[in-house]
Amino acid sequence: MAAKPVFKGAVSKSEATYYDFAELKGQPENIIQKRKTKLLGYWFSKDFVLPAILEKSLKGVTIQVDPRITKEHKDWAEANCSFSAYFASESTRKPTIIHDLLIRSESLSSLETLLRQYLLLSRNSRRYSRYYLPLLITWINSYDYSDMKYDRSGNEYKLPLRQLTVSRQMASEIVQLPGGELIYYALLSKLERDCDDQKLVQFVIDFISTNKRLLAAAAFVPDEICDRELRCRVNETRIDRLF
C-alpha cells in the first residue's frame, strides 16, 4: 500500500452553472465567435466547483458529502452516510468531522486486510497512517451488527469487532497512532446503535476501560463519533472496578 491517500473525493449538489470566457452579454455574435478562436475556457460558479474545493481540503481516504445534502435529504443521508474524521495536519490535535459515504456491503470483502495494511503502513510512516483514519471509521460503520450476540471466543463477530478486540496488544498498537482512539469509540458507538445484546456492548466498554490511553481519550472524543453518555459509561466502568 502506497504511503499516501489512495482515493478521496466529495459529493455535492448544484446547477451546472458555467460561462464561456469569450461570451459577453450584448455583443454581436461575430465578435464572440472571433474571440473564441483566441480565448478558450470557462468560468464556473462556486457551487459548481464545490466538490473540488471540498476534496482538496481532505486529508484522508474518504468521500465527503456536502453538509447541505445531509440536511436537505436526511433519509438518504441516514441510509448512505456516517460521521467520520480526519486530522488536517500532523500537529493538529482536534479532528475535523465530516459525513462520509458508507461502503456498500458487497464491497466490504475487498477490505478484509485493511487493518493489517494500516498497521504495516504505520511502521513505515506514522505521518501517512493518519490518512487511513476516516476510512477505518467508515469501514466500521458500514457493517450491520444488529444480529450479533456476545460470544466468548469472538469467532462469530463481524470483522471489525473481531480484529479490534482480538487482543490487548492490538489495541496498544492502534492507540499509539494518530486518532487511534477514535477507531475504538466509533466501534462502541456503532454497536450501541445496532446491537440489542447489551452484554456485547458491555464487553467493548470493558475492553476500552482497561486501556489507559483509550480511557484518557474519553473526554476528548467528538460527540459525532461517540456521544458523551456512552463515553461516561466507559469511565464509570473503570471507576466501578476500584470498589
C-alpha atoms as a PDB file:
ATOM      1  CA  MET A   1       0.000   0.000   0.000  1.00  0.00           C
ATOM      2  CA  ALA A   2       1.462   3.360  -1.000  1.00  0.00           C
ATOM      3  CA  ALA A   3       2.329   5.797   1.764  1.00  0.00           C
ATOM      4  CA  LYS A   4      -0.243   8.334   0.640  1.00  0.00           C
ATOM      5  CA  PRO A   5      -4.054   8.510   0.226  1.00  0.00           C
ATOM      6  CA  VAL A   6      -5.167   6.102  -2.480  1.00  0.00           C
ATOM      7  CA  PHE A   7      -8.526   7.749  -3.062  1.00  0.00           C
ATOM      8  CA  LYS A   8     -10.519  10.735  -1.895  1.00  0.00           C
ATOM      9  CA  GLY A   9     -13.435  12.707  -3.260  1.00  0.00           C
ATOM     10  CA  ALA A  10     -16.513  14.752  -2.470  1.00  0.00           C
ATOM     11  CA  VAL A  11     -20.205  14.822  -3.329  1.00  0.00           C
ATOM     12  CA  SER A  12     -22.253  17.990  -3.664  1.00  0.00           C
ATOM     13  CA  LYS A  13     -25.363  19.260  -5.432  1.00  0.00           C
ATOM     14  CA  SER A  14     -25.696  22.300  -7.688  1.00  0.00           C
ATOM     15  CA  GLU A  15     -26.843  23.541 -11.055  1.00  0.00           C
ATOM     16  CA  ALA A  16     -24.363  23.126 -13.907  1.00  0.00           C
ATOM     17  CA  THR A  17     -23.579  26.844 -13.981  1.00  0.00           C
ATOM     18  CA  TYR A  18     -20.651  27.915 -16.169  1.00  0.00           C
ATOM     19  CA  TYR A  19     -19.815  30.718 -18.602  1.00  0.00           C
ATOM     20  CA  ASP A  20     -17.632  30.802 -21.676  1.00  0.00           C
ATOM     21  CA  PHE A  21     -14.684  33.213 -21.288  1.00  0.00           C
ATOM     22  CA  ALA A  22     -15.321  34.589 -24.761  1.00  0.00           C
ATOM     23  CA  GLU A  23     -19.017  35.368 -24.323  1.00  0.00           C
ATOM     24  CA  LEU A  24     -20.082  38.782 -23.088  1.00  0.00           C
ATOM     25  CA  LYS A  25     -23.717  39.747 -22.959  1.00  0.00           C
ATOM     26  CA  GLY A  26     -24.885  42.254 -25.548  1.00  0.00           C
ATOM     27  CA  GLN A  27     -22.047  41.717 -28.012  1.00  0.00           C
ATOM     28  CA  PRO A  28     -22.593  40.702 -31.652  1.00  0.00           C
ATOM     29  CA  GLU A  29     -22.259  37.015 -32.466  1.00  0.00           C
ATOM     30  CA  ASN A  30     -19.460  37.567 -34.997  1.00  0.00           C
ATOM     31  CA  ILE A  31     -17.283  39.265 -32.351  1.00  0.00           C
ATOM     32  CA  ILE A  32     -17.964  36.464 -29.871  1.00  0.00           C
ATOM     33  CA  GLN A  33     -17.036  33.815 -32.432  1.00  0.00           C
ATOM     34  CA  LYS A  34     -13.822  35.648 -33.337  1.00  0.00           C
ATOM     35  CA  ARG A  35     -12.874  35.936 -29.666  1.00  0.00           C
ATOM     36  CA  LYS A  36     -13.476  32.200 -29.199  1.00  0.00           C
ATOM     37  CA  THR A  37     -10.646  31.466 -31.639  1.00  0.00           C
ATOM     38  CA  LYS A  38      -8.191  33.136 -29.246  1.00  0.00           C
ATOM     39  CA  LEU A  39      -9.750  32.796 -25.804  1.00  0.00           C
ATOM     40  CA  LEU A  40     -10.644  29.319 -24.620  1.00  0.00           C
ATOM     41  CA  GLY A  41     -12.050  28.331 -21.253  1.00  0.00           C
ATOM     42  CA  TYR A  42     -14.940  28.697 -18.831  1.00  0.00           C
ATOM     43  CA  TRP A  43     -15.884  30.417 -15.630  1.00  0.00           C
ATOM     44  CA  PHE A  44     -17.598  28.095 -13.143  1.00  0.00           C
ATOM     45  CA  SER A  45     -19.853  29.099 -10.274  1.00  0.00           C
ATOM     46  CA  LYS A  46     -18.604  28.411  -6.744  1.00  0.00           C
ATOM     47  CA  ASP A  47     -21.347  25.842  -6.128  1.00  0.00           C
ATOM     48  CA  PHE A  48     -20.446  24.008  -9.327  1.00  0.00           C
ATOM     49  CA  VAL A  49     -16.815  23.514  -8.260  1.00  0.00           C
ATOM     50  CA  LEU A  50     -17.609  22.881  -4.584  1.00  0.00           C
ATOM     51  CA  PRO A  51     -16.763  19.137  -4.808  1.00  0.00           C
ATOM     52  CA  ALA A  52     -13.258  20.078  -5.967  1.00  0.00           C
ATOM     53  CA  ILE A  53     -12.915  22.563  -3.094  1.00  0.00           C
ATOM     54  CA  LEU A  54     -14.102  20.005  -0.536  1.00  0.00           C
ATOM     55  CA  GLU A  55     -11.864  17.292  -1.971  1.00  0.00           C
ATOM     56  CA  LYS A  56      -8.786  19.497  -1.910  1.00  0.00           C
ATOM     57  CA  SER A  57      -9.131  20.136   1.822  1.00  0.00           C
ATOM     58  CA  LEU A  58      -9.485  16.452   2.724  1.00  0.00           C
ATOM     59  CA  LYS A  59      -6.570  14.763   4.464  1.00  0.00           C
ATOM     60  CA  GLY A  60      -7.580  11.153   4.264  1.00  0.00           C
ATOM     61  CA  VAL A  61      -9.130   8.309   2.289  1.00  0.00           C
ATOM     62  CA  THR A  62     -12.759   9.379   2.256  1.00  0.00           C
ATOM     63  CA  ILE A  63     -15.617  10.680   0.108  1.00  0.00           C
ATOM     64  CA  GLN A  64     -17.035  13.702   1.878  1.00  0.00           C
ATOM     65  CA  VAL A  65     -20.713  14.515   1.451  1.00  0.00           C
ATOM     66  CA  ASP A  66     -21.617  18.204   1.371  1.00  0.00           C
ATOM     67  CA  PRO A  67     -23.408  19.116   4.653  1.00  0.00           C
ATOM     68  CA  ARG A  68     -26.172  20.764   2.622  1.00  0.00           C
ATOM     69  CA  ILE A  69     -27.063  17.369   1.159  1.00  0.00           C
ATOM     70  CA  THR A  70     -27.228  15.677   4.564  1.00  0.00           C
ATOM     71  CA  LYS A  71     -29.523  18.446   5.823  1.00  0.00           C
ATOM     72  CA  GLU A  72     -31.827  18.547   2.802  1.00  0.00           C
ATOM     73  CA  HIS A  73     -32.011  14.769   2.285  1.00  0.00           C
ATOM     74  CA  LYS A  74     -31.941  13.367   5.817  1.00  0.00           C
ATOM     75  CA  ASP A  75     -33.461   9.975   4.973  1.00  0.00           C
ATOM     76  CA  TRP A  76     -30.942   9.415   2.198  1.00  0.00           C
ATOM     77  CA  ALA A  77     -28.079  10.573   4.394  1.00  0.00           C
ATOM     78  CA  GLU A  78     -29.082   8.285   7.243  1.00  0.00           C
ATOM     79  CA  ALA A  79     -29.044   5.268   4.923  1.00  0.00           C
ATOM     80  CA  ASN A  80     -25.913   6.148   2.966  1.00  0.00           C
ATOM     81  CA  CYS A  81     -23.638   8.263   5.154  1.00  0.00           C
ATOM     82  CA  SER A  82     -21.948   8.227   8.530  1.00  0.00           C
ATOM     83  CA  PHE A  83     -19.800  10.580  10.545  1.00  0.00           C
ATOM     84  CA  SER A  84     -16.078  10.173  10.126  1.00  0.00           C
ATOM     85  CA  ALA A  85     -12.994  12.213  10.978  1.00  0.00           C
ATOM     86  CA  TYR A  86      -9.532  13.197   9.814  1.00  0.00           C
ATOM     87  CA  PHE A  87      -6.660  15.302  11.088  1.00  0.00           C
ATOM     88  CA  ALA A  88      -5.861  18.312   8.938  1.00  0.00           C
ATOM     89  CA  SER A  89      -2.146  18.232   9.784  1.00  0.00           C
ATOM     90  CA  GLU A  90       0.404  16.314  11.816  1.00  0.00           C
ATOM     91  CA  SER A  91       0.312  18.911  14.592  1.00  0.00           C
ATOM     92  CA  THR A  92      -3.492  19.130  14.795  1.00  0.00           C
ATOM     93  CA  ARG A  93      -4.933  17.650  17.981  1.00  0.00           C
ATOM     94  CA  LYS A  94      -8.610  18.202  17.159  1.00  0.00           C
ATOM     95  CA  PRO A  95     -10.118  16.072  14.366  1.00  0.00           C
ATOM     96  CA  THR A  96     -12.242  17.509  11.568  1.00  0.00           C
ATOM     97  CA  ILE A  97     -15.674  15.866  11.462  1.00  0.00           C
ATOM     98  CA  ILE A  98     -17.283  15.080   8.105  1.00  0.00           C
ATOM     99  CA  HIS A  99     -20.029  12.962   6.591  1.00  0.00           C
ATOM    100  CA  ASP A 100     -18.532  10.091   4.595  1.00  0.00           C
ATOM    101  CA  LEU A 101     -20.256   7.742   2.144  1.00  0.00           C
ATOM    102  CA  LEU A 102     -20.794   4.299   3.639  1.00  0.00           C
ATOM    103  CA  ILE A 103     -19.137   1.346   1.923  1.00  0.00           C
ATOM    104  CA  ARG A 104     -21.596  -0.913   0.137  1.00  0.00           C
ATOM    105  CA  SER A 105     -21.983  -4.322   1.782  1.00  0.00           C
ATOM    106  CA  GLU A 106     -20.846  -6.170  -1.342  1.00  0.00           C
ATOM    107  CA  SER A 107     -17.583  -4.200  -1.306  1.00  0.00           C
ATOM    108  CA  LEU A 108     -16.614  -4.875   2.313  1.00  0.00           C
ATOM    109  CA  SER A 109     -14.910  -8.165   1.470  1.00  0.00           C
ATOM    110  CA  SER A 110     -12.290  -6.255  -0.531  1.00  0.00           C
ATOM    111  CA  LEU A 111     -11.212  -4.533   2.692  1.00  0.00           C
ATOM    112  CA  GLU A 112     -10.625  -7.630   4.798  1.00  0.00           C
ATOM    113  CA  THR A 113      -6.900  -6.815   5.062  1.00  0.00           C
ATOM    114  CA  LEU A 114      -7.460  -3.108   5.749  1.00  0.00           C
ATOM    115  CA  LEU A 115      -6.461  -3.188   9.411  1.00  0.00           C
ATOM    116  CA  ARG A 116      -3.332  -5.192   8.663  1.00  0.00           C
ATOM    117  CA  GLN A 117      -2.311  -2.792   5.893  1.00  0.00           C
ATOM    118  CA  TYR A 118      -2.945   0.153   8.204  1.00  0.00           C
ATOM    119  CA  LEU A 119      -0.615  -1.279  10.851  1.00  0.00           C
ATOM    120  CA  LEU A 120       2.048  -2.135   8.276  1.00  0.00           C
ATOM    121  CA  LEU A 121       1.886   1.391   6.892  1.00  0.00           C
ATOM    122  CA  SER A 122       2.209   2.862  10.379  1.00  0.00           C
ATOM    123  CA  ARG A 123       5.523   1.033  10.816  1.00  0.00           C
ATOM    124  CA  ASN A 124       6.907   2.882   7.817  1.00  0.00           C
ATOM    125  CA  SER A 125       5.244   6.234   8.379  1.00  0.00           C
ATOM    126  CA  ARG A 126       3.146   7.449  11.303  1.00  0.00           C
ATOM    127  CA  ARG A 127       2.644  10.613   9.282  1.00  0.00           C
ATOM    128  CA  TYR A 128       0.811   8.846   6.473  1.00  0.00           C
ATOM    129  CA  SER A 129      -1.057   6.397   8.679  1.00  0.00           C
ATOM    130  CA  ARG A 130      -3.411   9.228   9.692  1.00  0.00           C
ATOM    131  CA  TYR A 131      -4.750   9.326   6.129  1.00  0.00           C
ATOM    132  CA  TYR A 132      -6.432   5.971   6.728  1.00  0.00           C
ATOM    133  CA  LEU A 133      -8.290   7.048   9.876  1.00  0.00           C
ATOM    134  CA  PRO A 134     -11.516   8.183   8.107  1.00  0.00           C
ATOM    135  CA  LEU A 135     -11.572   5.013   6.012  1.00  0.00           C
ATOM    136  CA  LEU A 136     -11.257   2.830   9.122  1.00  0.00           C
ATOM    137  CA  ILE A 137     -14.074   4.673  10.895  1.00  0.00           C
ATOM    138  CA  THR A 138     -16.330   4.374   7.858  1.00  0.00           C
ATOM    139  CA  TRP A 139     -15.339   0.715   7.447  1.00  0.00           C
ATOM    140  CA  ILE A 140     -16.563   0.055  10.984  1.00  0.00           C
ATOM    141  CA  ASN A 141     -19.789   1.979  10.414  1.00  0.00           C
ATOM    142  CA  SER A 142     -20.530   0.170   7.145  1.00  0.00           C
ATOM    143  CA  TYR A 143     -21.146  -3.177   8.863  1.00  0.00           C
ATOM    144  CA  ASP A 144     -24.537  -4.213  10.247  1.00  0.00           C
ATOM    145  CA  TYR A 145     -24.154  -5.557  13.791  1.00  0.00           C
ATOM    146  CA  SER A 146     -27.866  -5.935  14.561  1.00  0.00           C
ATOM    147  CA  ASP A 147     -27.815  -9.743  14.566  1.00  0.00           C
ATOM    148  CA  MET A 148     -24.718 -10.135  16.726  1.00  0.00           C
ATOM    149  CA  LYS A 149     -24.613 -11.674  20.188  1.00  0.00           C
ATOM    150  CA  TYR A 150     -21.886 -11.870  22.776  1.00  0.00           C
ATOM    151  CA  ASP A 151     -19.512 -14.738  22.008  1.00  0.00           C
ATOM    152  CA  ARG A 152     -16.735 -15.570  24.464  1.00  0.00           C
ATOM    153  CA  SER A 153     -14.486 -16.892  21.677  1.00  0.00           C
ATOM    154  CA  GLY A 154     -15.122 -13.901  19.404  1.00  0.00           C
ATOM    155  CA  ASN A 155     -15.155 -16.179  16.367  1.00  0.00           C
ATOM    156  CA  GLU A 156     -18.701 -15.173  15.390  1.00  0.00           C
ATOM    157  CA  TYR A 157     -18.072 -11.434  15.477  1.00  0.00           C
ATOM    158  CA  LYS A 158     -18.136  -9.279  12.352  1.00  0.00           C
ATOM    159  CA  LEU A 159     -14.665  -8.490  11.063  1.00  0.00           C
ATOM    160  CA  PRO A 160     -14.002  -5.060  12.624  1.00  0.00           C
ATOM    161  CA  LEU A 161     -15.119  -6.161  16.084  1.00  0.00           C
ATOM    162  CA  ARG A 162     -13.246  -9.459  15.856  1.00  0.00           C
ATOM    163  CA  GLN A 163      -9.987  -7.877  14.727  1.00  0.00           C
ATOM    164  CA  LEU A 164     -10.041  -4.841  17.002  1.00  0.00           C
ATOM    165  CA  THR A 165     -10.721  -6.822  20.159  1.00  0.00           C
ATOM    166  CA  VAL A 166      -8.607  -9.874  19.344  1.00  0.00           C
ATOM    167  CA  SER A 167      -6.019  -8.856  21.944  1.00  0.00           C
ATOM    168  CA  ARG A 168      -4.939  -6.067  24.262  1.00  0.00           C
ATOM    169  CA  GLN A 169      -1.748  -5.857  22.218  1.00  0.00           C
ATOM    170  CA  MET A 170      -3.765  -4.918  19.123  1.00  0.00           C
ATOM    171  CA  ALA A 171      -5.327  -2.006  20.988  1.00  0.00           C
ATOM    172  CA  SER A 172      -1.915  -0.940  22.310  1.00  0.00           C
ATOM    173  CA  GLU A 173      -0.593  -0.767  18.744  1.00  0.00           C
ATOM    174  CA  ILE A 174      -3.541   1.215  17.391  1.00  0.00           C
ATOM    175  CA  VAL A 175      -3.875   3.808  20.153  1.00  0.00           C
ATOM    176  CA  GLN A 176      -0.278   4.904  19.583  1.00  0.00           C
ATOM    177  CA  LEU A 177      -1.222   6.074  16.097  1.00  0.00           C
ATOM    178  CA  PRO A 178      -2.814   9.456  15.302  1.00  0.00           C
ATOM    179  CA  GLY A 179      -6.539   9.224  16.052  1.00  0.00           C
ATOM    180  CA  GLY A 180      -6.369   5.550  17.011  1.00  0.00           C
ATOM    181  CA  GLU A 181      -8.717   6.114  19.944  1.00  0.00           C
ATOM    182  CA  LEU A 182     -11.441   7.304  17.548  1.00  0.00           C
ATOM    183  CA  ILE A 183     -11.450   3.867  15.911  1.00  0.00           C
ATOM    184  CA  TYR A 184     -12.427   2.138  19.156  1.00  0.00           C
ATOM    185  CA  TYR A 185     -15.012   4.721  20.161  1.00  0.00           C
ATOM    186  CA  ALA A 186     -16.555   4.572  16.675  1.00  0.00           C
ATOM    187  CA  LEU A 187     -16.856   0.804  17.119  1.00  0.00           C
ATOM    188  CA  LEU A 188     -18.505   1.215  20.512  1.00  0.00           C
ATOM    189  CA  SER A 189     -20.954   3.800  19.187  1.00  0.00           C
ATOM    190  CA  LYS A 190     -21.941   1.654  16.205  1.00  0.00           C
ATOM    191  CA  LEU A 191     -22.533  -1.396  18.403  1.00  0.00           C
ATOM    192  CA  GLU A 192     -24.661   0.616  20.801  1.00  0.00           C
ATOM    193  CA  ARG A 193     -26.829   1.828  17.915  1.00  0.00           C
ATOM    194  CA  ASP A 194     -27.163  -1.530  16.153  1.00  0.00           C
ATOM    195  CA  CYS A 195     -26.959  -4.274  18.737  1.00  0.00           C
ATOM    196  CA  ASP A 196     -29.694  -5.348  21.148  1.00  0.00           C
ATOM    197  CA  ASP A 197     -27.329  -7.542  23.150  1.00  0.00           C
ATOM    198  CA  GLN A 198     -26.115  -5.251  25.910  1.00  0.00           C
ATOM    199  CA  LYS A 199     -23.686  -7.920  27.082  1.00  0.00           C
ATOM    200  CA  LEU A 200     -21.794  -7.446  23.827  1.00  0.00           C
ATOM    201  CA  VAL A 201     -21.853  -3.661  24.176  1.00  0.00           C
ATOM    202  CA  GLN A 202     -20.584  -4.002  27.744  1.00  0.00           C
ATOM    203  CA  PHE A 203     -17.795  -6.288  26.524  1.00  0.00           C
ATOM    204  CA  VAL A 204     -16.462  -3.461  24.323  1.00  0.00           C
ATOM    205  CA  ILE A 205     -16.918  -0.930  27.134  1.00  0.00           C
ATOM    206  CA  ASP A 206     -14.888  -3.210  29.407  1.00  0.00           C
ATOM    207  CA  PHE A 207     -12.241  -3.622  26.722  1.00  0.00           C
ATOM    208  CA  ILE A 208     -11.870   0.142  26.269  1.00  0.00           C
ATOM    209  CA  SER A 209     -11.901   0.906  30.001  1.00  0.00           C
ATOM    210  CA  THR A 210      -8.876  -1.330  30.637  1.00  0.00           C
ATOM    211  CA  ASN A 211      -6.671   0.603  28.194  1.00  0.00           C
ATOM    212  CA  LYS A 212      -5.208   3.730  29.765  1.00  0.00           C
ATOM    213  CA  ARG A 213      -4.899   5.670  26.520  1.00  0.00           C
ATOM    214  CA  LEU A 214      -8.418   4.862  25.399  1.00  0.00           C
ATOM    215  CA  LEU A 215      -9.755   5.754  28.828  1.00  0.00           C
ATOM    216  CA  ALA A 216      -7.903   9.079  28.877  1.00  0.00           C
ATOM    217  CA  ALA A 217      -9.271   9.929  25.424  1.00  0.00           C
ATOM    218  CA  ALA A 218     -12.911   9.599  26.517  1.00  0.00           C
ATOM    219  CA  ALA A 219     -13.194  13.298  27.407  1.00  0.00           C
ATOM    220  CA  PHE A 220     -11.895  14.461  24.027  1.00  0.00           C
ATOM    221  CA  VAL A 221     -13.654  12.181  21.519  1.00  0.00           C
ATOM    222  CA  PRO A 222     -16.139  14.229  19.440  1.00  0.00           C
ATOM    223  CA  ASP A 223     -19.827  13.550  20.110  1.00  0.00           C
ATOM    224  CA  GLU A 224     -20.342  12.764  16.426  1.00  0.00           C
ATOM    225  CA  ILE A 225     -18.018   9.764  16.770  1.00  0.00           C
ATOM    226  CA  CYS A 226     -19.333   8.599  20.160  1.00  0.00           C
ATOM    227  CA  ASP A 227     -21.833  10.502  22.298  1.00  0.00           C
ATOM    228  CA  ARG A 228     -20.930  11.762  25.749  1.00  0.00           C
ATOM    229  CA  GLU A 229     -23.327   9.489  27.633  1.00  0.00           C
ATOM    230  CA  LEU A 230     -21.716   6.381  26.176  1.00  0.00           C
ATOM    231  CA  ARG A 231     -18.227   7.686  26.924  1.00  0.00           C
ATOM    232  CA  CYS A 232     -19.322   8.328  30.516  1.00  0.00           C
ATOM    233  CA  ARG A 233     -20.247   4.643  30.781  1.00  0.00           C
ATOM    234  CA  VAL A 234     -16.642   3.803  29.933  1.00  0.00           C
ATOM    235  CA  ASN A 235     -15.403   5.999  32.795  1.00  0.00           C
ATOM    236  CA  GLU A 236     -17.983   4.625  35.199  1.00  0.00           C
ATOM    237  CA  THR A 237     -16.953   1.057  34.376  1.00  0.00           C
ATOM    238  CA  ARG A 238     -13.346   1.889  35.168  1.00  0.00           C
ATOM    239  CA  ILE A 239     -14.269   3.529  38.485  1.00  0.00           C
ATOM    240  CA  ASP A 240     -16.567   0.646  39.472  1.00  0.00           C
ATOM    241  CA  ARG A 241     -13.587  -1.696  39.250  1.00  0.00           C
ATOM    242  CA  LEU A 242     -11.898   0.241  42.030  1.00  0.00           C
ATOM    243  CA  PHE A 243     -14.598  -0.591  44.561  1.00  0.00           C
END
